[in-house]
Amino acid sequence: MPYYVIGVDYGTDSARAVLVDTSSGATVASSVMNYPRWAEGLYCDAGESRFRQHPLDYLECLEKVLRDVVDACPDRKSIKAIGVDTTASTPCFVDAHCTPLSLKEGFEEDPDAMFVLWKDHTGLVEAEQINAASKKAEVDYTAPCGFHYSPEAYWSKVLHILRRSEDIRKQSTFAIELCDWIPAVLTGCDDISRLRTSHCAAGCKQLYAEMWGGWPPRDFFTGIDPVLGPVWDCLPQQNYGCDEPAGTLSREWADRLGLSSDVIVSVGNVDAHSGGIGGGVRYRSLVMNIGTSACYMTTVPNEIMGDRMLSGVYGQIKDGILRGSVGYEISLSAFGDVFAWFRRLLSTFVGDEKTADLILPVLSEQAAGLRQRLDAPQATDYFNGRRSPDPDNFLTASITGLKITTTAAEIYYALVEAVAFATKAIVDFMAENEVPLERFVGIGGISQKSPFVMQMLADVLGHDLEVSSCKDCCAMGAAIQASVACGIHPDTVSAQDAMCQEVSVTYHPDASKAEIFAERYKRYKRISAETIK
């Protein structure tokens, strides 16, 4: 009799769930729902880099996608576990019962009481203060973040909001990560002290590391600002792998879904890392999760890396992606967002959304037909700063070499080339730091939908680039971890062997383009060094 698990993935715009056969990895059913309030642009201000999401969006989507896949199951009694991954760092202030303040009277419309999405940069000043304090400390606690803390990470966001809002300081108990809150919801955990929090999120977003005994000391945080003291006091002293149970399905959710309350809910994961698992990440492989941003994952056995930390690598977690290995997340702050910016620019005076939706497909077709030129317009990709390598939150993007005859397709080509060059910079950096990469696997929406972008990546990297046939690798990764948490598979690697999907297409590099790309890459690096802040 087959056993099934459910993987739930919370992305930037939507939540999705997959029902997976644990023996083959076959997706039996899937469901997706866009966040309704987010779709209306509520609680956000792009001009201030403020991006907030209401917990009701998450709850409404959770029930919808879970109901859909459970109802499609041939035998719901065979559903053994649910796994969850989410964007990160996406924290929210909660009370002692794990209730987000925005679900309480008086805070319903307060953006500071909602989940602070990963790409929110309102804590930029706070990030720089954390960096400065860490450089003065006896230990540089930003090592897991490549020795450079980001406004996208937990403590920057928490500090920014605590400084802004006296009401939140008074009414909140803790700031919870989204990947910890969703399992808490499903298991009915209503006590902060009983949370089983994610090791993966703690390591790369919250400065947790075994080398200094867990969390940085309380006085490190209070030395930056005393408002951080109460948050530190509630930090759990133990965290858990995403292949471990967070608990079992609460009676409320079991009744709501028609499932047994014996169904295991695994500890939450970071979406990019979950995608790495769903994409079959291994030593010497790079799983490239390409969406609004790009997160590239690889692993190196612990015995090879030891406690060595790489400067400029956004996330480094021992036992964080696969047990027994250091997991690396090397990222671009903007990938699909770069193209979305250009689409918005061109669609300003377009009357209807259907026409606007044709802009990028048409530009891709036109750009693919352009003759490669050394003197073509050239772009840098720092629309949201730079994460890796050599992080710099203040970098801005640029487009150079424009002429009166320059076309929209040429600019689009330059933008695609820029994110490809940024990817090459990461691959080169890892090689220089003795992290070998021999296999490249694309996952995520762009890898499935844009042959032009994927071919450009293969050409620039000079490597074959495989694309996983799995359309929902992040949700699949959550399902794989769930299958381990409930005991169906003994470990994550065994579960990957059984459940990961085959390659759907492989892009081969065009050697005839290598020489011009090499010259333009040199120019990209030179322009990057001179980019205006």
Protein backbone atom coordinates (compact mmCIF):
# COMPACT_ATOMS: atom_id res chain seq x y z
CA MET A 1 0.00 0.00 0.00
CA PRO A 2 1.48 3.38 -0.94
CA TYR A 3 2.16 6.01 1.67
CA TYR A 4 1.77 9.71 0.97
CA VAL A 5 3.22 12.89 2.38
CA ILE A 6 2.35 16.54 1.76
CA GLY A 7 4.85 19.30 1.11
CA VAL A 8 3.73 22.91 1.59
CA ASP A 9 5.83 25.73 0.12
CA TYR A 10 5.31 29.38 1.04
CA GLY A 11 6.82 31.51 -1.71
CA THR A 12 6.89 35.26 -2.22
CA ASP A 13 3.51 35.50 -3.97
CA SER A 14 1.68 32.28 -3.18
CA ALA A 15 1.48 29.05 -1.20
CA ARG A 16 1.37 25.65 -2.85
CA ALA A 17 1.01 22.09 -1.69
CA VAL A 18 1.92 18.78 -3.31
CA LEU A 19 0.72 15.31 -2.39
CA VAL A 20 3.58 12.90 -3.07
CA ASP A 21 3.90 9.13 -3.28
CA THR A 22 6.86 8.35 -1.03
CA SER A 23 7.92 5.28 -3.02
CA SER A 24 8.43 7.08 -6.33
CA GLY A 25 8.19 10.82 -5.72
CA ALA A 26 5.25 11.03 -8.10
CA THR A 27 3.10 14.10 -7.51
CA VAL A 28 -0.44 12.81 -7.07
CA ALA A 29 -2.04 16.23 -6.61
CA SER A 30 -1.02 19.85 -6.29
CA SER A 31 -2.69 23.12 -5.42
CA VAL A 32 -1.64 26.76 -5.39
CA MET A 33 -3.26 29.94 -4.07
CA ASN A 34 -2.03 33.52 -4.32
CA TYR A 35 -1.98 35.61 -1.16
CA PRO A 36 -5.09 37.80 -1.59
CA ARG A 37 -3.99 40.86 0.39
CA TRP A 38 -0.47 40.75 -1.00
CA ALA A 39 -1.91 40.61 -4.53
CA GLU A 40 -3.66 43.91 -3.83
CA GLY A 41 -0.39 45.49 -2.72
CA LEU A 42 -1.61 46.04 0.83
CA TYR A 43 0.77 46.94 3.67
CA CYS A 44 3.73 47.45 1.32
CA ASP A 45 5.65 50.47 0.09
CA ALA A 46 8.23 49.62 -2.56
CA GLY A 47 9.68 53.13 -2.33
CA GLU A 48 10.67 52.41 1.27
CA SER A 49 11.60 48.77 0.51
CA ARG A 50 8.83 47.77 2.91
CA PHE A 51 7.24 44.41 2.12
CA ARG A 52 4.83 42.96 4.69
CA GLN A 53 2.40 40.06 4.54
CA HIS A 54 -0.65 39.49 6.71
CA PRO A 55 -0.87 36.17 8.56
CA LEU A 56 -4.43 35.77 7.31
CA ASP A 57 -3.01 35.39 3.81
CA TYR A 58 -0.93 32.48 5.05
CA LEU A 59 -3.77 30.85 7.00
CA GLU A 60 -6.33 31.13 4.22
CA CYS A 61 -3.90 29.71 1.69
CA LEU A 62 -2.85 26.91 4.03
CA GLU A 63 -6.36 25.61 4.47
CA LYS A 64 -7.17 25.90 0.76
CA VAL A 65 -4.11 24.08 -0.60
CA LEU A 66 -4.20 21.38 2.08
CA ARG A 67 -7.89 20.70 1.52
CA ASP A 68 -7.33 20.43 -2.23
CA VAL A 69 -4.57 17.84 -2.06
CA VAL A 70 -6.15 15.85 0.78
CA ASP A 71 -9.43 15.65 -1.15
CA ALA A 72 -7.49 14.34 -4.17
CA CYS A 73 -5.77 11.57 -2.20
CA PRO A 74 -6.82 8.02 -3.14
CA ASP A 75 -6.75 7.05 0.55
CA ARG A 76 -6.35 9.86 3.05
CA LYS A 77 -5.56 7.33 5.79
CA SER A 78 -2.28 6.74 3.96
CA ILE A 79 -1.17 10.37 4.45
CA LYS A 80 1.55 10.11 7.07
CA ALA A 81 3.20 13.52 7.31
CA ILE A 82 3.20 17.17 6.30
CA GLY A 83 6.35 19.20 5.68
CA VAL A 84 6.60 22.98 5.34
CA ASP A 85 9.09 25.42 3.90
CA THR A 86 8.79 29.21 3.75
CA THR A 87 10.65 32.32 2.70
CA ALA A 88 13.24 33.53 5.19
CA SER A 89 14.03 35.57 7.02
CA THR A 90 10.34 36.39 7.38
CA PRO A 91 9.71 37.12 11.09
CA CYS A 92 6.64 38.41 12.91
CA PHE A 93 6.10 39.61 16.45
CA VAL A 94 3.88 37.30 18.50
CA ASP A 95 2.55 37.05 22.03
CA ALA A 96 3.41 34.26 24.49
CA HIS A 97 0.86 32.00 22.79
CA CYS A 98 2.48 32.26 19.35
CA THR A 99 -0.29 34.54 18.07
CA PRO A 100 0.89 37.22 15.61
CA LEU A 101 0.04 40.68 16.90
CA SER A 102 -1.73 41.49 13.63
CA LEU A 103 -4.34 38.89 14.57
CA LYS A 104 -5.08 40.77 17.78
CA GLU A 105 -7.33 43.76 18.36
CA GLY A 106 -5.66 47.06 17.67
CA PHE A 107 -2.94 45.67 15.39
CA GLU A 108 -5.01 44.30 12.49
CA GLU A 109 -3.84 46.95 10.00
CA ASP A 110 -0.40 47.66 11.42
CA PRO A 111 2.30 46.55 8.93
CA ASP A 112 4.86 46.37 11.75
CA ALA A 113 2.71 43.69 13.42
CA MET A 114 2.75 41.50 10.30
CA PHE A 115 5.31 39.15 8.79
CA VAL A 116 8.30 41.04 7.41
CA LEU A 117 8.97 39.43 4.04
CA TRP A 118 12.47 38.27 3.13
CA LYS A 119 13.06 41.12 0.68
CA ASP A 120 12.07 43.89 3.09
CA HIS A 121 15.08 46.22 3.44
CA THR A 122 13.73 48.67 6.01
CA GLY A 123 16.33 47.41 8.50
CA LEU A 124 19.28 48.57 6.40
CA VAL A 125 20.67 50.93 9.06
CA GLU A 126 20.22 48.27 11.73
CA ALA A 127 22.09 45.71 9.61
CA GLU A 128 25.07 48.02 9.36
CA GLN A 129 25.02 48.57 13.14
CA ILE A 130 25.01 44.80 13.70
CA ASN A 131 27.95 44.47 11.32
CA ALA A 132 29.86 47.22 13.11
CA ALA A 133 29.23 45.69 16.54
CA SER A 134 30.29 42.26 15.34
CA LYS A 135 33.55 43.56 13.93
CA LYS A 136 34.36 45.07 17.34
CA ALA A 137 33.44 41.94 19.29
CA GLU A 138 35.93 39.25 20.32
CA VAL A 139 34.11 36.93 17.92
CA ASP A 140 32.67 38.00 14.59
CA TYR A 141 29.17 36.60 14.96
CA THR A 142 28.29 37.38 11.36
CA ALA A 143 30.48 34.47 10.15
CA PRO A 144 27.47 32.27 9.18
CA CYS A 145 26.36 35.11 6.89
CA GLY A 146 29.73 35.42 5.20
CA PHE A 147 30.93 38.02 7.74
CA HIS A 148 28.30 40.49 6.52
CA TYR A 149 24.83 40.74 8.06
CA SER A 150 21.95 41.66 5.79
CA PRO A 151 18.83 43.82 6.16
CA GLU A 152 17.02 40.73 4.86
CA ALA A 153 17.98 38.78 8.00
CA TYR A 154 16.18 38.33 11.30
CA TRP A 155 17.90 40.67 13.76
CA SER A 156 17.95 43.65 11.38
CA LYS A 157 14.19 43.45 10.95
CA VAL A 158 13.44 42.79 14.60
CA LEU A 159 15.56 45.72 15.76
CA HIS A 160 14.09 48.10 13.19
CA ILE A 161 10.51 47.42 14.27
CA LEU A 162 11.20 47.41 18.00
CA ARG A 163 12.76 50.84 17.66
CA ARG A 164 9.78 52.12 15.68
CA SER A 165 6.90 50.84 17.76
CA GLU A 166 6.44 51.21 21.49
CA ASP A 167 3.16 49.27 21.25
CA ILE A 168 4.90 46.26 19.75
CA ARG A 169 7.63 46.43 22.38
CA LYS A 170 4.96 46.31 25.09
CA GLN A 171 2.62 43.73 23.60
CA SER A 172 4.99 41.21 21.98
CA THR A 173 6.89 38.36 23.57
CA PHE A 174 9.00 37.10 20.69
CA ALA A 175 9.62 37.40 16.95
CA ILE A 176 8.90 34.10 15.23
CA GLU A 177 10.11 32.96 11.81
CA LEU A 178 7.40 32.01 9.35
CA CYS A 179 8.96 28.56 8.90
CA ASP A 180 8.52 27.99 12.66
CA TRP A 181 5.05 29.52 12.88
CA ILE A 182 3.30 27.38 10.25
CA PRO A 183 4.27 24.08 11.96
CA ALA A 184 3.19 25.66 15.27
CA VAL A 185 -0.20 26.43 13.73
CA LEU A 186 -0.63 22.91 12.38
CA THR A 187 0.42 21.24 15.63
CA GLY A 188 -1.54 23.59 17.87
CA CYS A 189 1.53 24.85 19.70
CA ASP A 190 0.39 27.84 21.75
CA ASP A 191 3.39 28.26 24.02
CA ILE A 192 6.63 29.91 22.90
CA SER A 193 8.61 27.70 25.28
CA ARG A 194 7.42 24.56 23.44
CA LEU A 195 8.36 25.67 19.92
CA ARG A 196 10.54 23.26 17.95
CA THR A 197 12.39 25.75 15.79
CA SER A 198 14.38 25.22 12.61
CA HIS A 199 18.14 24.74 12.79
CA CYS A 200 18.36 25.82 9.17
CA ALA A 201 16.75 29.23 9.77
CA ALA A 202 18.64 29.80 13.02
CA GLY A 203 22.00 29.14 11.40
CA CYS A 204 21.86 31.34 8.34
CA LYS A 205 19.46 34.10 9.44
CA GLN A 206 19.73 34.37 13.24
CA LEU A 207 23.49 33.96 13.89
CA TYR A 208 23.25 30.60 15.64
CA ALA A 209 26.46 28.55 15.44
CA GLU A 210 27.95 25.67 17.39
CA MET A 211 31.42 27.26 17.34
CA TRP A 212 30.33 29.82 19.96
CA GLY A 213 27.92 27.57 21.77
CA GLY A 214 24.67 28.52 20.04
CA TRP A 215 23.42 32.10 20.13
CA PRO A 216 25.71 35.10 20.47
CA PRO A 217 25.63 36.29 24.09
CA ARG A 218 22.86 38.52 25.35
CA ASP A 219 25.19 41.44 25.94
CA PHE A 220 26.20 41.44 22.27
CA PHE A 221 22.62 42.28 21.33
CA THR A 222 21.85 44.61 24.22
CA GLY A 223 25.08 46.44 23.45
CA ILE A 224 23.58 47.29 20.08
CA ASP A 225 20.22 48.21 21.62
CA PRO A 226 18.63 47.11 24.93
CA VAL A 227 15.30 46.48 23.16
CA LEU A 228 16.76 43.21 21.85
CA GLY A 229 17.18 41.78 25.36
CA PRO A 230 13.62 40.43 25.80
CA VAL A 231 13.74 38.77 22.38
CA TRP A 232 17.03 37.06 23.25
CA ASP A 233 15.49 35.85 26.53
CA CYS A 234 12.88 33.86 24.57
CA LEU A 235 15.28 32.26 22.11
CA PRO A 236 14.97 28.46 22.26
CA GLN A 237 18.19 26.87 23.44
CA GLN A 238 17.74 23.92 21.11
CA ASN A 239 16.71 23.78 17.49
CA TYR A 240 15.94 20.86 15.21
CA GLY A 241 16.64 19.47 11.78
CA CYS A 242 13.92 19.71 9.17
CA ASP A 243 13.81 15.91 9.00
CA GLU A 244 12.57 15.78 12.62
CA PRO A 245 8.98 16.05 13.89
CA ALA A 246 7.70 19.37 15.17
CA GLY A 247 4.71 17.45 16.53
CA THR A 248 1.51 15.88 15.27
CA LEU A 249 -1.48 17.45 13.58
CA SER A 250 -3.71 19.17 16.11
CA ARG A 251 -7.21 17.84 16.62
CA GLU A 252 -8.60 21.07 15.16
CA TRP A 253 -6.63 20.74 11.92
CA ALA A 254 -7.15 16.98 11.77
CA ASP A 255 -10.92 17.46 11.91
CA ARG A 256 -10.79 20.34 9.46
CA LEU A 257 -8.90 18.27 6.89
CA GLY A 258 -10.35 14.86 7.60
CA LEU A 259 -6.98 13.44 8.62
CA SER A 260 -5.69 11.51 11.60
CA SER A 261 -4.21 13.48 14.47
CA ASP A 262 -1.30 11.00 14.25
CA VAL A 263 -0.08 12.73 11.07
CA ILE A 264 3.45 14.03 11.69
CA VAL A 265 4.29 17.68 11.02
CA SER A 266 8.01 18.11 10.41
CA VAL A 267 10.13 21.05 11.53
CA GLY A 268 9.97 23.94 9.07
CA ASN A 269 12.63 24.71 6.49
CA VAL A 270 13.88 27.69 4.49
CA ASP A 271 12.40 27.58 0.99
CA ALA A 272 15.67 27.77 -0.91
CA HIS A 273 17.22 24.98 1.14
CA SER A 274 14.12 22.87 0.73
CA GLY A 275 14.38 23.44 -3.01
CA GLY A 276 17.95 22.22 -2.86
CA ILE A 277 16.76 18.99 -1.31
CA GLY A 278 13.97 18.62 -3.87
CA GLY A 279 16.49 19.28 -6.64
CA GLY A 280 18.83 16.54 -5.42
CA VAL A 281 21.62 18.63 -3.91
CA ARG A 282 24.85 16.75 -3.19
CA TYR A 283 28.55 17.43 -2.74
CA ARG A 284 29.98 18.92 -5.96
CA SER A 285 26.52 19.86 -7.26
CA LEU A 286 24.87 23.29 -7.33
CA VAL A 287 21.08 23.43 -7.23
CA MET A 288 20.05 26.81 -8.61
CA ASN A 289 16.69 27.97 -7.30
CA ILE A 290 15.81 30.76 -9.72
CA GLY A 291 12.83 32.96 -8.99
CA THR A 292 12.31 36.54 -7.84
CA SER A 293 15.78 36.24 -6.32
CA ALA A 294 18.19 33.38 -6.88
CA CYS A 295 19.46 31.04 -4.18
CA TYR A 296 22.11 28.51 -5.12
CA MET A 297 22.70 25.54 -2.79
CA THR A 298 25.55 23.14 -2.41
CA THR A 299 26.98 20.99 0.37
CA VAL A 300 30.45 19.95 1.51
CA PRO A 301 31.09 17.16 4.04
CA ASN A 302 31.82 18.47 7.55
CA GLU A 303 35.14 16.68 7.70
CA ILE A 304 36.36 18.62 4.66
CA MET A 305 35.23 22.09 5.77
CA GLY A 306 35.56 21.83 9.54
CA ASP A 307 34.79 25.25 11.05
CA ARG A 308 36.10 27.24 8.08
CA MET A 309 33.72 30.05 7.09
CA LEU A 310 33.76 31.67 3.66
CA SER A 311 33.69 35.45 3.53
CA GLY A 312 30.88 36.64 1.30
CA VAL A 313 28.65 33.54 1.39
CA TYR A 314 25.22 34.58 2.65
CA GLY A 315 24.31 31.32 4.42
CA GLN A 316 26.63 28.65 5.87
CA ILE A 317 25.10 26.04 8.16
CA LYS A 318 26.68 22.87 9.48
CA ASP A 319 24.08 20.07 9.15
CA GLY A 320 21.73 22.70 7.73
CA ILE A 321 20.70 21.23 4.36
CA LEU A 322 21.99 17.66 4.63
CA ARG A 323 23.15 16.06 7.85
CA GLY A 324 26.89 15.54 7.97
CA SER A 325 27.58 18.44 5.61
CA VAL A 326 27.97 22.18 5.64
CA GLY A 327 25.15 23.66 3.60
CA TYR A 328 25.87 26.75 1.54
CA GLU A 329 23.36 29.26 0.25
CA ILE A 330 24.98 31.63 -2.25
CA SER A 331 22.49 34.16 -3.49
CA LEU A 332 21.54 36.98 -5.82
CA SER A 333 19.29 39.55 -4.18
CA ALA A 334 17.43 40.05 -7.45
CA PHE A 335 16.99 37.73 -10.43
CA GLY A 336 13.41 37.59 -11.69
CA ASP A 337 12.84 40.89 -9.91
CA VAL A 338 15.28 42.48 -12.39
CA PHE A 339 13.08 41.42 -15.30
CA ALA A 340 9.92 42.36 -13.41
CA TRP A 341 11.32 45.88 -12.98
CA PHE A 342 11.89 46.19 -16.72
CA ARG A 343 8.42 44.83 -17.45
CA ARG A 344 6.86 47.41 -15.13
CA LEU A 345 8.88 50.14 -16.81
CA LEU A 346 7.67 49.16 -20.27
CA SER A 347 4.08 48.50 -19.23
CA THR A 348 3.51 51.92 -17.66
CA PHE A 349 1.25 52.99 -20.49
CA VAL A 350 -0.11 49.57 -21.46
CA GLY A 351 -3.83 49.55 -21.04
CA ASP A 352 -4.50 45.94 -20.05
CA GLU A 353 -2.70 43.22 -18.11
CA LYS A 354 -2.91 40.65 -20.90
CA THR A 355 -0.83 42.87 -23.15
CA ALA A 356 1.65 43.53 -20.33
CA ASP A 357 2.02 39.78 -19.83
CA LEU A 358 3.33 39.48 -23.38
CA ILE A 359 6.24 41.89 -22.83
CA LEU A 360 8.82 39.48 -21.42
CA PRO A 361 8.00 36.54 -23.74
CA VAL A 362 8.28 38.84 -26.77
CA LEU A 363 11.52 40.38 -25.49
CA SER A 364 12.96 36.90 -24.83
CA GLU A 365 12.23 35.85 -28.40
CA GLN A 366 13.75 39.03 -29.80
CA ALA A 367 16.80 38.92 -27.53
CA ALA A 368 17.48 35.29 -28.43
CA GLY A 369 17.77 36.37 -32.06
CA LEU A 370 20.27 39.15 -31.45
CA ARG A 371 23.79 38.83 -32.76
CA GLN A 372 26.33 38.66 -29.94
CA ARG A 373 28.34 41.92 -29.85
CA LEU A 374 31.23 43.05 -27.72
CA ASP A 375 29.92 46.66 -27.82
CA ALA A 376 26.30 45.84 -26.90
CA PRO A 377 24.73 47.60 -23.88
CA GLN A 378 25.97 46.20 -20.57
CA ALA A 379 24.19 46.03 -17.21
CA THR A 380 24.87 45.22 -13.59
CA ASP A 381 22.25 43.44 -11.53
CA TYR A 382 22.38 45.15 -8.13
CA PHE A 383 18.77 46.35 -8.05
CA ASN A 384 18.54 45.10 -4.47
CA GLY A 385 22.20 45.32 -3.47
CA ARG A 386 24.55 42.33 -3.64
CA ARG A 387 24.44 39.27 -1.41
CA SER A 388 27.28 37.13 -2.77
CA PRO A 389 30.16 37.30 -3.14
CA ASP A 390 31.46 40.46 -1.45
CA PRO A 391 28.11 41.57 0.04
CA ASP A 392 27.20 45.24 -0.24
CA ASN A 393 23.73 46.40 0.74
CA PHE A 394 24.24 49.83 -0.83
CA LEU A 395 25.20 48.86 -4.38
CA THR A 396 22.88 50.04 -7.14
CA ALA A 397 22.34 48.69 -10.65
CA SER A 398 23.45 50.29 -13.90
CA ILE A 399 23.04 50.07 -17.67
CA THR A 400 25.82 51.43 -19.84
CA GLY A 401 26.59 51.66 -23.54
CA LEU A 402 23.18 53.00 -24.53
CA LYS A 403 22.72 54.67 -27.92
CA ILE A 404 19.83 56.39 -29.65
CA THR A 405 19.36 53.15 -31.61
CA THR A 406 19.30 50.84 -28.57
CA THR A 407 16.23 48.62 -28.49
CA ALA A 408 14.26 47.19 -25.58
CA ALA A 409 15.44 43.72 -26.60
CA GLU A 410 19.08 44.79 -26.30
CA ILE A 411 18.48 46.14 -22.80
CA TYR A 412 16.68 42.95 -21.82
CA TYR A 413 19.61 40.93 -23.19
CA ALA A 414 21.98 43.00 -21.05
CA LEU A 415 19.86 42.39 -17.93
CA VAL A 416 19.80 38.62 -18.50
CA GLU A 417 23.52 38.65 -19.17
CA ALA A 418 24.07 40.57 -15.92
CA VAL A 419 22.40 37.94 -13.71
CA ALA A 420 24.33 35.26 -15.61
CA PHE A 421 27.59 37.09 -14.93
CA ALA A 422 26.61 37.46 -11.26
CA THR A 423 26.08 33.69 -11.18
CA LYS A 424 29.51 33.12 -12.74
CA ALA A 425 31.08 35.38 -10.12
CA ILE A 426 29.60 33.11 -7.44
CA VAL A 427 30.78 29.90 -9.13
CA ASP A 428 34.28 31.34 -9.58
CA PHE A 429 34.34 32.46 -5.96
CA MET A 430 33.42 28.99 -4.69
CA ALA A 431 36.14 27.41 -6.85
CA GLU A 432 38.69 29.86 -5.48
CA ASN A 433 37.66 28.77 -1.98
CA GLU A 434 38.07 25.06 -2.73
CA VAL A 435 34.38 24.25 -3.02
CA PRO A 436 34.18 22.22 -6.24
CA LEU A 437 31.11 22.45 -8.47
CA GLU A 438 30.72 19.96 -11.29
CA ARG A 439 26.96 19.53 -11.77
CA PHE A 440 24.48 22.39 -12.19
CA VAL A 441 20.71 21.87 -11.74
CA GLY A 442 18.10 24.55 -12.32
CA ILE A 443 14.84 24.63 -10.36
CA GLY A 444 12.16 27.27 -9.87
CA GLY A 445 9.82 29.11 -12.19
CA ILE A 446 12.36 30.75 -14.48
CA SER A 447 14.20 27.47 -15.07
CA GLN A 448 10.92 25.95 -16.27
CA LYS A 449 9.66 28.89 -18.31
CA SER A 450 12.59 30.74 -19.89
CA PRO A 451 14.85 28.78 -22.25
CA PHE A 452 16.59 32.03 -23.23
CA VAL A 453 17.68 32.73 -19.64
CA MET A 454 18.78 29.16 -19.03
CA GLN A 455 20.76 28.97 -22.26
CA MET A 456 22.48 32.24 -21.36
CA LEU A 457 23.44 30.78 -17.97
CA ALA A 458 24.88 27.66 -19.61
CA ASP A 459 26.83 29.76 -22.14
CA VAL A 460 28.28 32.09 -19.51
CA LEU A 461 29.14 29.31 -17.04
CA GLY A 462 30.57 27.08 -19.76
CA HIS A 463 28.84 24.05 -18.19
CA ASP A 464 25.88 21.86 -18.99
CA LEU A 465 22.84 23.08 -17.07
CA GLU A 466 20.18 20.53 -16.20
CA VAL A 467 16.59 21.44 -15.35
CA SER A 468 14.65 19.27 -12.93
CA SER A 469 11.35 17.96 -14.26
CA CYS A 470 9.81 18.69 -10.84
CA LYS A 471 7.77 21.89 -11.09
CA ASP A 472 7.57 22.36 -7.32
CA CYS A 473 11.03 21.47 -6.00
CA CYS A 474 10.65 23.47 -2.79
CA ALA A 475 7.39 21.72 -1.90
CA MET A 476 8.97 18.41 -2.96
CA GLY A 477 11.88 19.08 -0.59
CA ALA A 478 9.41 19.67 2.23
CA ALA A 479 7.69 16.39 1.33
CA ILE A 480 11.04 14.56 1.30
CA GLN A 481 11.86 15.85 4.79
CA ALA A 482 8.38 14.91 5.98
CA SER A 483 8.92 11.34 4.75
CA VAL A 484 12.02 11.12 6.97
CA ALA A 485 10.34 12.76 9.96
CA CYS A 486 7.59 10.13 9.97
CA GLY A 487 10.02 7.23 9.48
CA ILE A 488 9.15 6.14 5.94
CA HIS A 489 12.72 6.79 4.77
CA PRO A 490 15.72 6.48 7.11
CA ASP A 491 17.45 9.70 6.07
CA THR A 492 17.23 12.58 3.62
CA VAL A 493 19.66 11.17 1.06
CA SER A 494 17.73 7.89 0.91
CA ALA A 495 14.50 9.84 0.52
CA GLN A 496 16.05 11.92 -2.27
CA ASP A 497 17.11 8.74 -4.08
CA ALA A 498 13.53 7.51 -3.99
CA MET A 499 11.63 10.74 -4.56
CA CYS A 500 13.66 13.27 -6.58
CA GLN A 501 12.54 13.71 -10.17
CA GLU A 502 14.57 13.19 -13.32
CA VAL A 503 16.02 15.90 -15.54
CA SER A 504 13.61 17.31 -18.12
CA VAL A 505 16.08 19.18 -20.33
CA THR A 506 19.79 19.93 -20.43
CA TYR A 507 21.21 23.16 -21.84
CA HIS A 508 24.66 22.80 -23.41
CA PRO A 509 27.03 25.79 -23.65
CA ASP A 510 27.67 27.29 -27.08
CA ALA A 511 31.46 27.33 -27.31
CA SER A 512 31.37 29.86 -30.15
CA LYS A 513 30.14 32.54 -27.72
CA ALA A 514 32.77 31.94 -25.04
CA GLU A 515 35.33 34.49 -26.23
CA ILE A 516 32.99 37.50 -26.31
CA PHE A 517 31.35 36.49 -23.04
CA ALA A 518 34.79 36.31 -21.43
CA GLU A 519 35.58 39.86 -22.51
CA ARG A 520 32.19 41.18 -21.46
CA TYR A 521 32.52 39.42 -18.09
CA LYS A 522 35.77 41.32 -17.47
CA ARG A 523 33.93 44.55 -18.27
CA TYR A 524 31.05 43.53 -15.95
CA LYS A 525 33.47 43.10 -13.07
CA ARG A 526 35.15 46.41 -13.83
CA ILE A 527 31.83 48.27 -13.97
CA SER A 528 30.69 46.52 -10.78
CA ALA A 529 33.75 47.83 -8.96
CA GLU A 530 32.86 51.36 -10.06
CA THR A 531 29.08 51.19 -9.49
CA ILE A 532 27.61 54.29 -7.80
CA LYS A 533 26.31 53.69 -4.28
